[in-house]
Amino acid sequence: MPANKRLNFIDRNLTLWILTAMLLGVGVGYFIPSVPKYFNTLSSGTTNIPLAIGLILMMYPPLTKVDFSKIPQVFRNVKLISTSLFITWIFGPFVMFLLAITFLRDYPEYMTGLIIIGLAPCIAMVIVWNELAEGNRELTAGLVGINSLLQVLFFSLYAYFYLEIMMPLFGIDGLKINITVLEIAKTVGIYLGIPFLGAVLSRYFLIKYKGSTWFHQKFIPFISPITLIALLFTIVVMFSLKGDVIVAIPLDVVRVAIPLVLFFLIMFFTMFFTAKKLGANYRDTVALSFTASGNNFELAIAVAIGVFGINSGEAFAGVIGPLVEVPILITLVKVALWLREKYF
C-alpha cells in the first residue's frame, strides 16, 4: 500500500514535476550558457545525443509492457483504423497548414517550421501520454509502427506538396526543399527502432528464461520509473538548449505556441469524439486520440536544422514544438481521464 501511495503521489503531481523541469531547463540555458553549449557539442549530425538517449530511455519501459502478439487483433476494426489514419494523415497536416498560414503569414520562417511539424504524427512521446492516460498500448504500438513506415515513405512527398504546391495556391512563395528517405529512415530508426528492438528482445529472452510472473511482477515495476526520470531529463535538456532564446524573444515563443495549442486541441477532440461515435471503448479512443494529437518533433527539428540551419527560424519553431506539446498533452491526459468518468 505505501508503494501505491507513493506512485499515486507522483502521478497526481506529474504536471508539477514537468513544470519544474521546464523552468530548470530555461534557467540553466539562460544563466549557465556553458551547459547547453556542452550539450550541443554532444551531437552527431543533426542528432543531439543527450536528447536521443533521453527519448530512447523514456520509450523503452512502455514498449516493454506491450504484448506484441496481440497487436494484429487491434486492427480488426478496419473502419476505426481507417478513420484514424485519415484524421492523422489527411486532416491533421491540412489543419496545421491552415493554422500556420493564418497565424504566421508575416513570419515566413516560423510558418514553414510549423508546416513541417504538421507533416508527421508522433512516434515517440505518444507512447508515454497513452500510458499515463491508461490507453491501449498494443493499439498505440501498432499505430506507431504504421506511422513510422508512412513517414519514411511519404514525408518527402508531403513536404513537396505543402511547401511547393499548397503555399503558392494560398498566395505564398513556394520553397524548394530536399529531404531524402534515408534521412527520415535514420531519424525513425534512432528514436523508435532502438527502444522497440530493446523491448522485443527483453520480452522474449526474459520471459523465456525468467518466466512471465517474474517479468511482470519484478522487471516491469523495476524499469517503470525510468520513463518519468528520462522524460524530466529530456525536458531539462530541450529547454536548456533554447533557454536564452525563450527569455530573449518570449513573444515569438507565444506566436508559435498559439497555433500549436489550437492544433493539439483540435486533433485530440476531433479524434476522441469521432472514435467514441464509432463505438470504440475508452482505451482504444485514448490511444487513437493521442496518436492523432502529437507530432514527430524529432524529425521536424532534424529536417529544419538540416535544410535551413540550426539558427534558422524554422529550427526555432521546431524546438518550440515539444516545449508546447509537453504541458498541453499532459493536461490532455488529465482531460482524458476526466472524460472516461463522464462518457465511459
Protein backbone atom coordinates (compact mmCIF):
# COMPACT_ATOMS: atom_id res chain seq x y z
CA MET A 1 0.00 0.00 0.00
CA PRO A 2 2.72 2.61 0.79
CA ALA A 3 4.32 1.97 -2.63
CA ASN A 4 0.97 2.61 -4.32
CA LYS A 5 0.52 5.80 -2.35
CA ARG A 6 3.93 7.00 -3.45
CA LEU A 7 3.10 6.15 -7.05
CA ASN A 8 -0.22 7.98 -6.82
CA PHE A 9 1.54 10.99 -5.32
CA ILE A 10 3.94 11.05 -8.28
CA ASP A 11 1.12 10.72 -10.80
CA ARG A 12 -1.02 13.38 -9.14
CA ASN A 13 1.85 15.87 -9.21
CA LEU A 14 3.26 14.97 -12.64
CA THR A 15 2.39 18.42 -14.02
CA LEU A 16 4.38 20.00 -11.18
CA TRP A 17 7.44 17.84 -11.93
CA ILE A 18 7.23 18.71 -15.62
CA LEU A 19 6.80 22.43 -14.93
CA THR A 20 9.79 22.30 -12.57
CA ALA A 21 11.89 20.57 -15.24
CA MET A 22 10.86 23.21 -17.81
CA LEU A 23 11.80 26.09 -15.50
CA LEU A 24 15.04 24.38 -14.55
CA GLY A 25 15.93 23.90 -18.20
CA VAL A 26 15.23 27.55 -19.07
CA GLY A 27 17.19 28.69 -16.02
CA VAL A 28 20.18 26.53 -16.90
CA GLY A 29 20.11 27.68 -20.53
CA TYR A 30 19.90 31.35 -19.59
CA PHE A 31 22.13 31.61 -16.53
CA ILE A 32 24.65 28.85 -17.30
CA PRO A 33 25.11 29.01 -21.10
CA SER A 34 28.12 26.70 -20.93
CA VAL A 35 25.76 23.77 -20.20
CA PRO A 36 23.69 23.96 -23.42
CA LYS A 37 26.89 24.66 -25.35
CA TYR A 38 28.26 21.42 -23.96
CA PHE A 39 25.05 19.57 -24.87
CA ASN A 40 25.37 20.92 -28.42
CA THR A 41 28.88 19.50 -28.70
CA LEU A 42 27.42 16.05 -27.98
CA SER A 43 25.84 15.76 -31.40
CA SER A 44 26.21 13.51 -34.39
CA GLY A 45 24.97 15.26 -37.50
CA THR A 46 21.54 16.66 -36.63
CA THR A 47 21.04 14.17 -33.76
CA ASN A 48 21.65 15.50 -30.27
CA ILE A 49 22.96 12.52 -28.32
CA PRO A 50 21.66 13.51 -24.81
CA LEU A 51 18.19 14.10 -26.28
CA ALA A 52 18.30 10.83 -28.18
CA ILE A 53 19.33 8.91 -25.03
CA GLY A 54 16.54 10.57 -23.04
CA LEU A 55 13.90 9.76 -25.65
CA ILE A 56 15.07 6.17 -26.09
CA LEU A 57 15.08 5.51 -22.34
CA MET A 58 11.71 7.24 -22.00
CA MET A 59 10.06 4.94 -24.53
CA TYR A 60 11.70 1.67 -23.54
CA PRO A 61 9.57 0.82 -20.43
CA PRO A 62 6.15 1.46 -22.07
CA LEU A 63 7.17 -0.55 -25.14
CA THR A 64 8.38 -3.38 -22.91
CA LYS A 65 4.86 -3.62 -21.45
CA VAL A 66 3.37 -4.18 -24.91
CA ASP A 67 2.26 -7.73 -25.68
CA PHE A 68 3.29 -7.67 -29.35
CA SER A 69 1.40 -10.90 -30.07
CA LYS A 70 -1.86 -9.00 -29.51
CA ILE A 71 -1.15 -6.21 -31.99
CA PRO A 72 -2.78 -7.95 -35.02
CA GLN A 73 -6.01 -8.25 -33.03
CA VAL A 74 -6.36 -4.49 -32.53
CA PHE A 75 -6.52 -3.88 -36.29
CA ARG A 76 -9.66 -5.96 -36.84
CA ASN A 77 -11.84 -2.83 -36.70
CA VAL A 78 -10.97 -1.64 -40.20
CA LYS A 79 -13.40 1.29 -40.10
CA LEU A 80 -11.90 2.68 -36.90
CA ILE A 81 -8.29 2.30 -38.07
CA SER A 82 -9.09 3.81 -41.48
CA THR A 83 -10.76 6.79 -39.81
CA SER A 84 -7.74 7.20 -37.53
CA LEU A 85 -5.30 7.21 -40.46
CA PHE A 86 -7.48 9.71 -42.36
CA ILE A 87 -7.62 12.13 -39.43
CA THR A 88 -3.92 11.68 -38.66
CA TRP A 89 -2.51 11.85 -42.18
CA ILE A 90 -5.01 13.87 -44.26
CA PHE A 91 -6.95 16.08 -41.84
CA GLY A 92 -4.03 16.79 -39.46
CA PRO A 93 -1.41 18.17 -41.87
CA PHE A 94 -4.05 20.34 -43.56
CA VAL A 95 -5.19 21.74 -40.19
CA MET A 96 -1.59 22.62 -39.29
CA PHE A 97 -1.09 24.20 -42.71
CA LEU A 98 -4.17 26.41 -42.28
CA LEU A 99 -3.15 27.40 -38.75
CA ALA A 100 0.40 28.22 -39.88
CA ILE A 101 -0.63 30.47 -42.79
CA THR A 102 -3.35 32.10 -40.67
CA PHE A 103 -1.26 32.98 -37.63
CA LEU A 104 2.27 33.20 -39.05
CA ARG A 105 1.92 34.55 -42.60
CA ASP A 106 4.01 37.59 -41.58
CA TYR A 107 6.69 35.30 -40.12
CA PRO A 108 7.54 33.01 -43.07
CA GLU A 109 10.32 31.09 -41.30
CA TYR A 110 8.11 30.22 -38.34
CA MET A 111 5.26 29.42 -40.72
CA THR A 112 7.43 26.98 -42.67
CA GLY A 113 8.70 25.37 -39.47
CA LEU A 114 5.15 24.86 -38.26
CA ILE A 115 4.07 23.30 -41.57
CA ILE A 116 6.98 20.86 -41.35
CA ILE A 117 5.92 19.94 -37.80
CA GLY A 118 2.45 19.06 -39.04
CA LEU A 119 3.63 16.63 -41.69
CA ALA A 120 4.33 13.64 -39.45
CA PRO A 121 2.48 12.22 -36.41
CA CYS A 122 4.29 11.40 -33.20
CA ILE A 123 6.16 8.11 -32.92
CA ALA A 124 7.79 8.72 -29.54
CA MET A 125 6.18 10.70 -26.72
CA VAL A 126 2.72 9.44 -27.72
CA ILE A 127 3.66 6.15 -26.08
CA VAL A 128 4.20 7.95 -22.77
CA TRP A 129 0.99 10.04 -22.97
CA ASN A 130 -1.03 6.94 -23.80
CA GLU A 131 0.49 5.06 -20.88
CA LEU A 132 -0.32 7.89 -18.46
CA ALA A 133 -3.91 8.06 -19.74
CA GLU A 134 -4.27 4.25 -19.46
CA GLY A 135 -4.92 3.75 -23.16
CA ASN A 136 -4.50 0.63 -25.28
CA ARG A 137 -0.72 0.16 -25.50
CA GLU A 138 -0.96 -2.59 -28.16
CA LEU A 139 -3.04 -0.33 -30.42
CA THR A 140 -0.63 2.56 -29.82
CA ALA A 141 2.38 0.40 -30.66
CA GLY A 142 0.69 -0.80 -33.83
CA LEU A 143 -0.21 2.73 -34.93
CA VAL A 144 3.30 3.94 -34.14
CA GLY A 145 4.69 1.21 -36.38
CA ILE A 146 2.37 2.15 -39.25
CA ASN A 147 3.07 5.87 -38.84
CA SER A 148 6.82 5.25 -38.79
CA LEU A 149 6.65 3.37 -42.09
CA LEU A 150 4.38 6.00 -43.66
CA GLN A 151 6.78 8.76 -42.57
CA VAL A 152 9.68 7.04 -44.27
CA LEU A 153 7.67 6.57 -47.45
CA PHE A 154 5.73 9.82 -47.69
CA PHE A 155 7.33 12.61 -45.60
CA SER A 156 9.36 13.94 -48.54
CA LEU A 157 6.28 13.85 -50.77
CA TYR A 158 4.21 15.66 -48.14
CA ALA A 159 6.90 18.32 -47.77
CA TYR A 160 6.93 18.86 -51.53
CA PHE A 161 3.12 19.02 -51.70
CA TYR A 162 2.62 21.55 -48.89
CA LEU A 163 5.73 23.70 -49.35
CA GLU A 164 5.92 23.80 -53.15
CA ILE A 165 2.30 23.33 -54.28
CA MET A 166 -0.06 24.39 -51.49
CA MET A 167 1.80 27.53 -50.39
CA PRO A 168 1.64 29.18 -53.87
CA LEU A 169 -2.08 28.32 -54.08
CA PHE A 170 -2.58 30.44 -50.96
CA GLY A 171 -0.52 33.34 -52.31
CA ILE A 172 2.75 32.44 -50.58
CA ASP A 173 6.06 31.86 -52.32
CA GLY A 174 6.82 28.15 -52.51
CA LEU A 175 10.02 26.63 -51.18
CA LYS A 176 12.45 24.18 -52.72
CA ILE A 177 13.17 21.56 -50.09
CA ASN A 178 15.04 18.29 -50.49
CA ILE A 179 14.56 15.65 -47.80
CA THR A 180 15.77 12.15 -48.57
CA VAL A 181 14.07 8.95 -47.50
CA LEU A 182 17.38 7.84 -45.95
CA GLU A 183 17.45 10.89 -43.63
CA ILE A 184 13.91 10.17 -42.45
CA ALA A 185 14.61 6.46 -42.00
CA LYS A 186 17.67 7.29 -39.90
CA THR A 187 15.65 9.51 -37.57
CA VAL A 188 12.85 6.96 -37.23
CA GLY A 189 15.41 4.23 -36.63
CA ILE A 190 17.11 6.12 -33.81
CA TYR A 191 14.07 7.30 -31.89
CA LEU A 192 11.80 4.32 -32.44
CA GLY A 193 13.86 1.41 -33.73
CA ILE A 194 16.31 1.21 -30.81
CA PRO A 195 13.75 1.17 -27.94
CA PHE A 196 11.42 -1.05 -29.98
CA LEU A 197 14.17 -3.63 -30.59
CA GLY A 198 15.22 -3.45 -26.95
CA ALA A 199 11.64 -4.05 -25.81
CA VAL A 200 11.11 -7.02 -28.13
CA LEU A 201 14.37 -8.67 -27.07
CA SER A 202 13.68 -8.02 -23.38
CA ARG A 203 10.24 -9.60 -23.53
CA TYR A 204 11.43 -12.62 -25.49
CA PHE A 205 14.54 -13.52 -23.52
CA LEU A 206 13.44 -12.51 -20.01
CA ILE A 207 10.08 -14.27 -20.24
CA LYS A 208 11.79 -17.32 -21.77
CA TYR A 209 14.46 -17.62 -19.08
CA LYS A 210 12.88 -15.97 -16.01
CA GLY A 211 9.19 -16.61 -16.62
CA SER A 212 6.16 -14.40 -17.21
CA THR A 213 5.44 -13.88 -13.49
CA TRP A 214 8.94 -12.60 -12.75
CA PHE A 215 8.86 -10.39 -15.85
CA HIS A 216 5.56 -8.68 -14.98
CA GLN A 217 5.92 -8.57 -11.20
CA LYS A 218 9.63 -7.83 -10.85
CA PHE A 219 11.18 -6.49 -14.04
CA ILE A 220 8.35 -4.20 -15.22
CA PRO A 221 7.98 -2.42 -11.83
CA PHE A 222 11.77 -2.06 -11.67
CA ILE A 223 12.12 -0.29 -15.04
CA SER A 224 8.84 1.69 -14.96
CA PRO A 225 10.29 4.73 -13.10
CA ILE A 226 12.84 5.15 -15.92
CA THR A 227 10.11 6.68 -18.08
CA LEU A 228 9.46 9.61 -15.74
CA ILE A 229 13.17 10.14 -14.99
CA ALA A 230 14.04 10.13 -18.72
CA LEU A 231 11.06 12.38 -19.52
CA LEU A 232 12.18 15.00 -16.99
CA PHE A 233 15.79 14.75 -18.17
CA THR A 234 14.70 15.22 -21.80
CA ILE A 235 12.62 18.27 -20.88
CA VAL A 236 15.51 19.86 -18.99
CA VAL A 237 17.84 19.31 -21.96
CA MET A 238 15.32 20.61 -24.53
CA PHE A 239 14.53 23.75 -22.57
CA SER A 240 18.17 24.44 -21.73
CA LEU A 241 19.16 24.33 -25.41
CA LYS A 242 16.82 27.24 -26.13
CA GLY A 243 16.67 28.84 -22.68
CA ASP A 244 18.38 32.04 -23.78
CA VAL A 245 16.13 32.41 -26.83
CA ILE A 246 12.96 31.79 -24.84
CA VAL A 247 13.92 34.56 -22.43
CA ALA A 248 15.16 36.90 -25.20
CA ILE A 249 12.16 36.68 -27.55
CA PRO A 250 9.22 35.44 -25.46
CA LEU A 251 6.66 36.99 -27.84
CA ASP A 252 7.97 34.84 -30.68
CA VAL A 253 7.51 31.80 -28.46
CA VAL A 254 3.89 32.85 -27.92
CA ARG A 255 3.37 33.44 -31.66
CA VAL A 256 4.46 29.90 -32.46
CA ALA A 257 2.71 28.43 -29.42
CA ILE A 258 -0.80 29.72 -30.21
CA PRO A 259 -1.39 27.73 -33.43
CA LEU A 260 0.32 24.70 -31.87
CA VAL A 261 -2.04 24.73 -28.88
CA LEU A 262 -5.02 25.02 -31.22
CA PHE A 263 -3.71 22.12 -33.30
CA PHE A 264 -3.33 19.82 -30.29
CA LEU A 265 -6.84 20.62 -29.06
CA ILE A 266 -8.49 20.28 -32.48
CA MET A 267 -6.81 16.97 -33.22
CA PHE A 268 -7.39 15.44 -29.78
CA PHE A 269 -11.08 16.24 -29.51
CA THR A 270 -11.81 15.50 -33.18
CA MET A 271 -10.32 12.03 -32.85
CA PHE A 272 -11.73 11.41 -29.38
CA PHE A 273 -15.37 12.08 -30.22
CA THR A 274 -15.09 10.51 -33.68
CA ALA A 275 -13.76 7.29 -32.15
CA LYS A 276 -16.44 7.34 -29.47
CA LYS A 277 -19.15 7.81 -32.12
CA LEU A 278 -17.76 4.80 -33.98
CA GLY A 279 -18.21 2.71 -30.84
CA ALA A 280 -14.61 2.50 -29.60
CA ASN A 281 -14.01 1.79 -25.92
CA TYR A 282 -12.06 4.20 -23.71
CA ARG A 283 -8.66 2.53 -24.07
CA ASP A 284 -8.86 2.50 -27.87
CA THR A 285 -10.28 6.04 -28.02
CA VAL A 286 -7.39 7.41 -25.95
CA ALA A 287 -4.77 5.55 -27.98
CA LEU A 288 -6.20 6.96 -31.22
CA SER A 289 -6.57 10.49 -29.79
CA PHE A 290 -3.00 10.86 -28.58
CA THR A 291 -1.64 9.29 -31.76
CA ALA A 292 -3.51 11.92 -33.78
CA SER A 293 -2.57 14.81 -31.47
CA GLY A 294 1.20 14.55 -31.15
CA ASN A 295 3.80 15.27 -33.80
CA ASN A 296 7.22 13.87 -34.62
CA PHE A 297 9.17 16.92 -33.44
CA GLU A 298 12.42 14.98 -33.54
CA LEU A 299 12.04 14.54 -37.30
CA ALA A 300 10.80 18.12 -37.77
CA ILE A 301 13.78 19.56 -35.88
CA ALA A 302 16.25 17.33 -37.72
CA VAL A 303 14.77 18.38 -41.09
CA ALA A 304 14.67 22.08 -40.16
CA ILE A 305 18.28 22.06 -38.98
CA GLY A 306 19.48 20.01 -41.93
CA VAL A 307 17.72 22.15 -44.55
CA PHE A 308 17.64 25.65 -43.04
CA GLY A 309 20.40 25.60 -40.39
CA ILE A 310 20.47 25.37 -36.60
CA ASN A 311 19.97 29.14 -36.12
CA SER A 312 17.05 29.42 -38.55
CA GLY A 313 13.50 30.44 -37.69
CA GLU A 314 12.34 27.05 -38.96
CA ALA A 315 14.57 25.28 -36.41
CA PHE A 316 13.35 27.65 -33.68
CA ALA A 317 9.72 26.77 -34.47
CA GLY A 318 10.64 23.09 -34.39
CA VAL A 319 12.19 23.41 -30.93
CA ILE A 320 9.22 25.36 -29.57
CA GLY A 321 7.00 22.46 -30.68
CA PRO A 322 7.84 19.95 -27.91
CA LEU A 323 8.07 22.77 -25.37
CA VAL A 324 4.39 23.45 -26.05
CA GLU A 325 3.44 19.81 -26.53
CA VAL A 326 4.60 18.65 -23.11
CA PRO A 327 2.37 20.85 -20.90
CA ILE A 328 -0.62 20.71 -23.29
CA LEU A 329 -0.64 16.94 -23.72
CA ILE A 330 -0.05 16.29 -20.03
CA THR A 331 -3.14 18.44 -19.49
CA LEU A 332 -4.99 16.37 -22.10
CA VAL A 333 -4.01 13.24 -20.15
CA LYS A 334 -5.98 14.64 -17.21
CA VAL A 335 -8.81 15.63 -19.58
CA ALA A 336 -8.90 12.09 -20.99
CA LEU A 337 -9.18 10.56 -17.52
CA TRP A 338 -11.99 13.02 -16.71
CA LEU A 339 -13.79 12.18 -19.97
CA ARG A 340 -13.55 8.49 -19.08
CA GLU A 341 -15.62 9.13 -15.97
CA LYS A 342 -18.09 11.27 -17.92
CA TYR A 343 -18.60 9.17 -21.07
CA PHE A 344 -17.36 5.64 -20.39
